[in-house]
């Protein structure tokens, strides 16, 4: 921001000088005779400004090679690597950043194809490109299971496979509509599977993906608690 203001001031000053020169020439001479010189001066002035700003460090293109050169983006990348599926405000809170600042740097990580995001439950969650489809699946799974009710349902199905909605709702003391909503999300993310072959109502089972995701999430949350204490 500092360099942008500096460049703007310099540009304004140069344009002012050019305008003064044009005015002086116009009052004393036929300005058309000096148009090539004026155009040349304008080009030189703008070129000088660009060079000055670049050499001062004001313009620095973010590339995959230099995007992690700042501590902020490096911390964001490492956090997402350790906690895939985290959303913006969670990341900003854990790294003690303003959400707007975190969002700006995350956008740079996305633009350089190191990080990707996906909207889950109205929130944008982040994961590393490096892990491919597995990283995306893990991020989606852990984002869903960060909800306490969803996590309780998953743990219940892990320990009590083959239960239908009303059984789950009764066991966890949840409204069956709440259970249905979470089951639908988990089913779409391949965390649970349903079976209607031997029951009027679908019964549900935790998949290997779901079990692994809830175990990973539990381990990461325990690590967070350990760091905080």
C-alpha atoms as a PDB file:
ATOM      1  CA  UNK A   1       0.000   0.000   0.000  1.00  0.00           C
ATOM      2  CA  UNK A   2       2.867   2.373   0.829  1.00  0.00           C
ATOM      3  CA  UNK A   3       4.446   1.884  -2.573  1.00  0.00           C
ATOM      4  CA  UNK A   4       1.145   2.334  -4.390  1.00  0.00           C
ATOM      5  CA  UNK A   5       0.662   5.717  -2.709  1.00  0.00           C
ATOM      6  CA  UNK A   6       4.245   6.657  -3.471  1.00  0.00           C
ATOM      7  CA  UNK A   7       3.878   5.723  -7.144  1.00  0.00           C
ATOM      8  CA  UNK A   8       0.620   7.676  -7.383  1.00  0.00           C
ATOM      9  CA  UNK A   9       2.246  10.799  -5.948  1.00  0.00           C
ATOM     10  CA  UNK A  10       5.198  10.552  -8.328  1.00  0.00           C
ATOM     11  CA  UNK A  11       2.916   9.923 -11.302  1.00  0.00           C
ATOM     12  CA  UNK A  12       0.731  12.892 -10.418  1.00  0.00           C
ATOM     13  CA  UNK A  13       3.792  15.135 -10.086  1.00  0.00           C
ATOM     14  CA  UNK A  14       5.194  14.038 -13.446  1.00  0.00           C
ATOM     15  CA  UNK A  15       1.882  14.563 -15.190  1.00  0.00           C
ATOM     16  CA  UNK A  16       1.694  17.999 -13.603  1.00  0.00           C
ATOM     17  CA  UNK A  17       5.142  18.888 -14.998  1.00  0.00           C
ATOM     18  CA  UNK A  18       4.147  17.655 -18.445  1.00  0.00           C
ATOM     19  CA  UNK A  19       0.955  19.698 -18.271  1.00  0.00           C
ATOM     20  CA  UNK A  20       2.944  22.794 -17.294  1.00  0.00           C
ATOM     21  CA  UNK A  21       5.346  22.207 -20.164  1.00  0.00           C
ATOM     22  CA  UNK A  22       2.476  21.835 -22.605  1.00  0.00           C
ATOM     23  CA  UNK A  23       0.857  25.021 -21.321  1.00  0.00           C
ATOM     24  CA  UNK A  24       4.098  26.978 -21.646  1.00  0.00           C
ATOM     25  CA  UNK A  25       4.698  25.744 -25.173  1.00  0.00           C
ATOM     26  CA  UNK A  26       1.116  26.442 -26.152  1.00  0.00           C
ATOM     27  CA  UNK A  27       1.370  30.075 -25.082  1.00  0.00           C
ATOM     28  CA  UNK A  28       4.718  30.730 -26.781  1.00  0.00           C
ATOM     29  CA  UNK A  29       4.800  28.406 -29.754  1.00  0.00           C
ATOM     30  CA  UNK A  30       2.712  26.339 -32.059  1.00  0.00           C
ATOM     31  CA  UNK A  31       2.161  23.280 -29.859  1.00  0.00           C
ATOM     32  CA  UNK A  32       1.763  20.958 -32.846  1.00  0.00           C
ATOM     33  CA  UNK A  33       5.448  21.385 -33.576  1.00  0.00           C
ATOM     34  CA  UNK A  34       6.324  19.893 -30.191  1.00  0.00           C
ATOM     35  CA  UNK A  35       3.784  17.032 -29.984  1.00  0.00           C
ATOM     36  CA  UNK A  36       6.400  14.308 -30.705  1.00  0.00           C
ATOM     37  CA  UNK A  37       8.662  15.708 -27.981  1.00  0.00           C
ATOM     38  CA  UNK A  38       5.775  15.940 -25.508  1.00  0.00           C
ATOM     39  CA  UNK A  39       4.683  12.364 -26.250  1.00  0.00           C
ATOM     40  CA  UNK A  40       8.258  11.186 -25.824  1.00  0.00           C
ATOM     41  CA  UNK A  41       8.508  12.986 -22.467  1.00  0.00           C
ATOM     42  CA  UNK A  42       5.275  11.374 -21.290  1.00  0.00           C
ATOM     43  CA  UNK A  43       6.485   7.895 -22.221  1.00  0.00           C
ATOM     44  CA  UNK A  44       9.837   8.467 -20.527  1.00  0.00           C
ATOM     45  CA  UNK A  45       8.160   9.787 -17.378  1.00  0.00           C
ATOM     46  CA  UNK A  46       5.778   6.827 -17.064  1.00  0.00           C
ATOM     47  CA  UNK A  47       8.598   4.383 -17.800  1.00  0.00           C
ATOM     48  CA  UNK A  48      10.761   5.982 -15.139  1.00  0.00           C
ATOM     49  CA  UNK A  49       7.964   5.668 -12.596  1.00  0.00           C
ATOM     50  CA  UNK A  50       7.478   1.971 -13.347  1.00  0.00           C
ATOM     51  CA  UNK A  51      11.208   1.284 -13.064  1.00  0.00           C
ATOM     52  CA  UNK A  52      11.472   3.265  -9.838  1.00  0.00           C
ATOM     53  CA  UNK A  53       8.598   1.426  -8.202  1.00  0.00           C
ATOM     54  CA  UNK A  54       9.896  -1.992  -9.272  1.00  0.00           C
ATOM     55  CA  UNK A  55      13.420  -1.305  -8.040  1.00  0.00           C
ATOM     56  CA  UNK A  56      12.031   0.020  -4.770  1.00  0.00           C
ATOM     57  CA  UNK A  57      10.214  -3.281  -4.237  1.00  0.00           C
ATOM     58  CA  UNK A  58       6.751  -1.844  -4.763  1.00  0.00           C
ATOM     59  CA  UNK A  59       5.731  -4.282  -7.498  1.00  0.00           C
ATOM     60  CA  UNK A  60       6.416  -7.929  -6.858  1.00  0.00           C
ATOM     61  CA  UNK A  61       4.548 -10.532  -8.829  1.00  0.00           C
ATOM     62  CA  UNK A  62       3.505 -13.521  -6.774  1.00  0.00           C
ATOM     63  CA  UNK A  63       4.588 -16.789  -8.384  1.00  0.00           C
ATOM     64  CA  UNK A  64       4.681 -20.421  -7.205  1.00  0.00           C
ATOM     65  CA  UNK A  65       8.384 -19.893  -6.570  1.00  0.00           C
ATOM     66  CA  UNK A  66       8.071 -16.872  -4.263  1.00  0.00           C
ATOM     67  CA  UNK A  67       4.539 -17.172  -2.855  1.00  0.00           C
ATOM     68  CA  UNK A  68       5.803 -18.892   0.316  1.00  0.00           C
ATOM     69  CA  UNK A  69       8.574 -16.350   0.849  1.00  0.00           C
ATOM     70  CA  UNK A  70       6.431 -14.449   3.368  1.00  0.00           C
ATOM     71  CA  UNK A  71       5.921 -15.830   6.872  1.00  0.00           C
ATOM     72  CA  UNK A  72       2.160 -15.232   6.726  1.00  0.00           C
ATOM     73  CA  UNK A  73       1.580 -17.320   3.612  1.00  0.00           C
ATOM     74  CA  UNK A  74       3.996 -19.973   4.799  1.00  0.00           C
ATOM     75  CA  UNK A  75       2.063 -20.241   8.083  1.00  0.00           C
ATOM     76  CA  UNK A  76      -1.246 -20.439   6.198  1.00  0.00           C
ATOM     77  CA  UNK A  77       0.071 -23.181   3.932  1.00  0.00           C
ATOM     78  CA  UNK A  78       1.423 -25.224   6.843  1.00  0.00           C
ATOM     79  CA  UNK A  79      -1.804 -24.792   8.826  1.00  0.00           C
ATOM     80  CA  UNK A  80      -3.953 -26.009   5.909  1.00  0.00           C
ATOM     81  CA  UNK A  81      -1.573 -28.917   5.402  1.00  0.00           C
ATOM     82  CA  UNK A  82      -2.069 -29.912   9.038  1.00  0.00           C
ATOM     83  CA  UNK A  83      -5.796 -29.058   9.275  1.00  0.00           C
ATOM     84  CA  UNK A  84      -7.405 -29.558   5.842  1.00  0.00           C
ATOM     85  CA  UNK A  85     -11.014 -28.457   5.607  1.00  0.00           C
ATOM     86  CA  UNK A  86     -10.533 -25.434   7.872  1.00  0.00           C
ATOM     87  CA  UNK A  87     -12.589 -22.369   6.993  1.00  0.00           C
ATOM     88  CA  UNK A  88     -11.447 -18.768   6.780  1.00  0.00           C
ATOM     89  CA  UNK A  89     -12.433 -17.480  10.211  1.00  0.00           C
ATOM     90  CA  UNK A  90     -11.085 -20.572  11.922  1.00  0.00           C
ATOM     91  CA  UNK A  91      -7.737 -20.162  10.149  1.00  0.00           C
ATOM     92  CA  UNK A  92      -7.590 -16.446  10.918  1.00  0.00           C
ATOM     93  CA  UNK A  93      -8.427 -17.051  14.578  1.00  0.00           C
ATOM     94  CA  UNK A  94      -5.857 -19.813  15.037  1.00  0.00           C
ATOM     95  CA  UNK A  95      -3.081 -17.801  13.358  1.00  0.00           C
ATOM     96  CA  UNK A  96      -4.079 -14.509  14.999  1.00  0.00           C
ATOM     97  CA  UNK A  97      -4.783 -12.767  11.681  1.00  0.00           C
ATOM     98  CA  UNK A  98      -7.522 -10.435  10.576  1.00  0.00           C
ATOM     99  CA  UNK A  99      -9.966 -12.340   8.328  1.00  0.00           C
ATOM    100  CA  UNK A 100      -9.461  -9.802   5.529  1.00  0.00           C
ATOM    101  CA  UNK A 101      -5.686 -10.236   5.715  1.00  0.00           C
ATOM    102  CA  UNK A 102      -5.941 -14.030   5.798  1.00  0.00           C
ATOM    103  CA  UNK A 103      -8.360 -13.972   2.844  1.00  0.00           C
ATOM    104  CA  UNK A 104      -5.947 -11.859   0.763  1.00  0.00           C
ATOM    105  CA  UNK A 105      -3.018 -14.213   1.345  1.00  0.00           C
ATOM    106  CA  UNK A 106      -5.166 -17.318   0.819  1.00  0.00           C
ATOM    107  CA  UNK A 107      -6.226 -15.863  -2.525  1.00  0.00           C
ATOM    108  CA  UNK A 108      -2.540 -15.652  -3.500  1.00  0.00           C
ATOM    109  CA  UNK A 109      -2.053 -19.295  -2.526  1.00  0.00           C
ATOM    110  CA  UNK A 110      -5.032 -20.220  -4.701  1.00  0.00           C
ATOM    111  CA  UNK A 111      -3.830 -18.110  -7.626  1.00  0.00           C
ATOM    112  CA  UNK A 112      -0.475 -19.904  -7.582  1.00  0.00           C
ATOM    113  CA  UNK A 113      -2.250 -23.295  -7.481  1.00  0.00           C
ATOM    114  CA  UNK A 114      -0.939 -24.367  -4.083  1.00  0.00           C
ATOM    115  CA  UNK A 115      -4.290 -24.260  -2.289  1.00  0.00           C
ATOM    116  CA  UNK A 116      -7.868 -24.816  -3.366  1.00  0.00           C
ATOM    117  CA  UNK A 117     -11.177 -24.037  -1.701  1.00  0.00           C
ATOM    118  CA  UNK A 118     -14.667 -25.454  -1.757  1.00  0.00           C
ATOM    119  CA  UNK A 119     -17.952 -24.226  -0.304  1.00  0.00           C
ATOM    120  CA  UNK A 120     -19.290 -26.600   2.350  1.00  0.00           C
ATOM    121  CA  UNK A 121     -22.342 -25.717   4.416  1.00  0.00           C
ATOM    122  CA  UNK A 122     -22.130 -22.038   3.474  1.00  0.00           C
ATOM    123  CA  UNK A 123     -18.434 -21.783   4.382  1.00  0.00           C
ATOM    124  CA  UNK A 124     -15.376 -21.848   2.153  1.00  0.00           C
ATOM    125  CA  UNK A 125     -12.933 -24.500   3.304  1.00  0.00           C
ATOM    126  CA  UNK A 126      -9.347 -24.919   2.137  1.00  0.00           C
ATOM    127  CA  UNK A 127      -7.078 -27.827   1.265  1.00  0.00           C
ATOM    128  CA  UNK A 128      -3.764 -28.362  -0.520  1.00  0.00           C
ATOM    129  CA  UNK A 129      -3.621 -29.017  -4.246  1.00  0.00           C
ATOM    130  CA  UNK A 130      -0.697 -31.374  -3.706  1.00  0.00           C
ATOM    131  CA  UNK A 131      -2.856 -34.143  -2.249  1.00  0.00           C
ATOM    132  CA  UNK A 132      -5.188 -34.269  -5.258  1.00  0.00           C
ATOM    133  CA  UNK A 133      -8.620 -35.848  -4.920  1.00  0.00           C
ATOM    134  CA  UNK A 134      -7.732 -37.462  -1.592  1.00  0.00           C
ATOM    135  CA  UNK A 135      -6.893 -34.073  -0.083  1.00  0.00           C
ATOM    136  CA  UNK A 136     -10.212 -32.671  -1.301  1.00  0.00           C
ATOM    137  CA  UNK A 137     -12.151 -35.640   0.080  1.00  0.00           C
ATOM    138  CA  UNK A 138     -10.369 -35.356   3.420  1.00  0.00           C
ATOM    139  CA  UNK A 139     -11.044 -31.615   3.587  1.00  0.00           C
ATOM    140  CA  UNK A 140     -14.750 -32.050   2.830  1.00  0.00           C
ATOM    141  CA  UNK A 141     -15.078 -34.889   5.335  1.00  0.00           C
ATOM    142  CA  UNK A 142     -13.381 -33.051   8.165  1.00  0.00           C
ATOM    143  CA  UNK A 143     -15.302 -29.862   7.415  1.00  0.00           C
ATOM    144  CA  UNK A 144     -18.595 -31.743   7.788  1.00  0.00           C
ATOM    145  CA  UNK A 145     -17.475 -33.564  10.922  1.00  0.00           C
ATOM    146  CA  UNK A 146     -16.407 -30.367  12.654  1.00  0.00           C
ATOM    147  CA  UNK A 147     -20.092 -29.986  13.468  1.00  0.00           C
ATOM    148  CA  UNK A 148     -20.681 -31.620  16.848  1.00  0.00           C
ATOM    149  CA  UNK A 149     -23.958 -33.328  15.859  1.00  0.00           C
ATOM    150  CA  UNK A 150     -22.462 -34.731  12.662  1.00  0.00           C
ATOM    151  CA  UNK A 151     -19.455 -36.023  14.575  1.00  0.00           C
ATOM    152  CA  UNK A 152     -21.703 -37.668  17.194  1.00  0.00           C
ATOM    153  CA  UNK A 153     -23.743 -39.364  14.450  1.00  0.00           C
ATOM    154  CA  UNK A 154     -20.600 -40.658  12.779  1.00  0.00           C
ATOM    155  CA  UNK A 155     -19.193 -42.020  16.045  1.00  0.00           C
ATOM    156  CA  UNK A 156     -22.545 -43.638  16.854  1.00  0.00           C
ATOM    157  CA  UNK A 157     -22.703 -45.356  13.458  1.00  0.00           C
ATOM    158  CA  UNK A 158     -19.091 -46.440  13.801  1.00  0.00           C
ATOM    159  CA  UNK A 159     -19.965 -48.242  17.038  1.00  0.00           C
ATOM    160  CA  UNK A 160     -23.560 -49.158  16.088  1.00  0.00           C
ATOM    161  CA  UNK A 161     -23.745 -49.925  12.377  1.00  0.00           C
ATOM    162  CA  UNK A 162     -27.060 -50.588  10.623  1.00  0.00           C
ATOM    163  CA  UNK A 163     -29.272 -48.078  12.449  1.00  0.00           C
ATOM    164  CA  UNK A 164     -32.074 -46.046  10.866  1.00  0.00           C
ATOM    165  CA  UNK A 165     -32.825 -42.357  11.398  1.00  0.00           C
ATOM    166  CA  UNK A 166     -35.249 -42.713  14.294  1.00  0.00           C
ATOM    167  CA  UNK A 167     -32.900 -45.037  16.166  1.00  0.00           C
ATOM    168  CA  UNK A 168     -30.023 -42.618  15.726  1.00  0.00           C
ATOM    169  CA  UNK A 169     -32.151 -39.636  16.762  1.00  0.00           C
ATOM    170  CA  UNK A 170     -33.443 -41.437  19.867  1.00  0.00           C
ATOM    171  CA  UNK A 171     -30.008 -42.628  20.941  1.00  0.00           C
ATOM    172  CA  UNK A 172     -28.414 -39.177  20.553  1.00  0.00           C
ATOM    173  CA  UNK A 173     -31.487 -37.225  21.755  1.00  0.00           C
ATOM    174  CA  UNK A 174     -31.626 -35.249  18.512  1.00  0.00           C
ATOM    175  CA  UNK A 175     -34.554 -34.197  16.333  1.00  0.00           C
ATOM    176  CA  UNK A 176     -34.898 -36.719  13.501  1.00  0.00           C
ATOM    177  CA  UNK A 177     -34.934 -33.866  10.948  1.00  0.00           C
ATOM    178  CA  UNK A 178     -31.528 -32.772  12.268  1.00  0.00           C
ATOM    179  CA  UNK A 179     -30.221 -36.320  11.912  1.00  0.00           C
ATOM    180  CA  UNK A 180     -31.663 -36.578   8.397  1.00  0.00           C
ATOM    181  CA  UNK A 181     -29.967 -33.321   7.351  1.00  0.00           C
ATOM    182  CA  UNK A 182     -26.544 -34.424   8.605  1.00  0.00           C
ATOM    183  CA  UNK A 183     -26.923 -37.942   7.193  1.00  0.00           C
ATOM    184  CA  UNK A 184     -27.681 -36.457   3.766  1.00  0.00           C
ATOM    185  CA  UNK A 185     -24.500 -34.368   3.838  1.00  0.00           C
ATOM    186  CA  UNK A 186     -22.405 -37.288   5.034  1.00  0.00           C
ATOM    187  CA  UNK A 187     -23.949 -39.596   2.426  1.00  0.00           C
ATOM    188  CA  UNK A 188     -23.056 -37.173  -0.387  1.00  0.00           C
ATOM    189  CA  UNK A 189     -19.493 -36.979   0.953  1.00  0.00           C
ATOM    190  CA  UNK A 190     -19.301 -40.810   1.052  1.00  0.00           C
ATOM    191  CA  UNK A 191     -18.888 -40.835   4.828  1.00  0.00           C
ATOM    192  CA  UNK A 192     -21.912 -43.090   5.297  1.00  0.00           C
ATOM    193  CA  UNK A 193     -23.796 -45.509   3.088  1.00  0.00           C
ATOM    194  CA  UNK A 194     -27.445 -46.586   3.247  1.00  0.00           C
ATOM    195  CA  UNK A 195     -29.118 -49.946   2.807  1.00  0.00           C
ATOM    196  CA  UNK A 196     -32.840 -50.597   2.219  1.00  0.00           C
ATOM    197  CA  UNK A 197     -32.632 -54.285   1.357  1.00  0.00           C
ATOM    198  CA  UNK A 198     -33.779 -55.638   4.729  1.00  0.00           C
ATOM    199  CA  UNK A 199     -35.763 -52.751   6.177  1.00  0.00           C
ATOM    200  CA  UNK A 200     -38.685 -50.473   5.391  1.00  0.00           C
ATOM    201  CA  UNK A 201     -36.460 -47.596   6.392  1.00  0.00           C
ATOM    202  CA  UNK A 202     -32.865 -47.112   5.180  1.00  0.00           C
ATOM    203  CA  UNK A 203     -30.266 -48.172   7.669  1.00  0.00           C
ATOM    204  CA  UNK A 204     -26.866 -46.541   7.674  1.00  0.00           C
ATOM    205  CA  UNK A 205     -23.252 -47.598   8.062  1.00  0.00           C
ATOM    206  CA  UNK A 206     -20.102 -45.572   8.501  1.00  0.00           C
ATOM    207  CA  UNK A 207     -17.756 -46.027   5.529  1.00  0.00           C
ATOM    208  CA  UNK A 208     -14.012 -46.513   5.829  1.00  0.00           C
ATOM    209  CA  UNK A 209     -13.629 -42.913   4.611  1.00  0.00           C
ATOM    210  CA  UNK A 210     -15.931 -41.658   7.369  1.00  0.00           C
ATOM    211  CA  UNK A 211     -14.235 -43.668  10.086  1.00  0.00           C
ATOM    212  CA  UNK A 212     -10.793 -42.519   8.996  1.00  0.00           C
ATOM    213  CA  UNK A 213     -11.972 -38.894   8.799  1.00  0.00           C
ATOM    214  CA  UNK A 214     -13.431 -38.850  12.306  1.00  0.00           C
ATOM    215  CA  UNK A 215     -10.283 -40.483  13.684  1.00  0.00           C
ATOM    216  CA  UNK A 216      -8.067 -37.945  11.921  1.00  0.00           C
ATOM    217  CA  UNK A 217     -10.202 -35.083  13.185  1.00  0.00           C
ATOM    218  CA  UNK A 218     -10.162 -36.379  16.750  1.00  0.00           C
ATOM    219  CA  UNK A 219      -6.372 -36.661  16.636  1.00  0.00           C
ATOM    220  CA  UNK A 220      -5.951 -33.140  15.300  1.00  0.00           C
ATOM    221  CA  UNK A 221      -8.310 -31.665  17.855  1.00  0.00           C
ATOM    222  CA  UNK A 222      -6.410 -33.434  20.644  1.00  0.00           C
ATOM    223  CA  UNK A 223      -3.191 -31.954  19.268  1.00  0.00           C
ATOM    224  CA  UNK A 224      -4.749 -28.473  19.277  1.00  0.00           C
ATOM    225  CA  UNK A 225      -5.862 -28.870  22.875  1.00  0.00           C
ATOM    226  CA  UNK A 226      -2.383 -30.052  23.821  1.00  0.00           C
ATOM    227  CA  UNK A 227      -0.785 -26.997  22.221  1.00  0.00           C
ATOM    228  CA  UNK A 228      -3.223 -24.637  23.905  1.00  0.00           C
ATOM    229  CA  UNK A 229      -2.504 -26.089  27.331  1.00  0.00           C
END
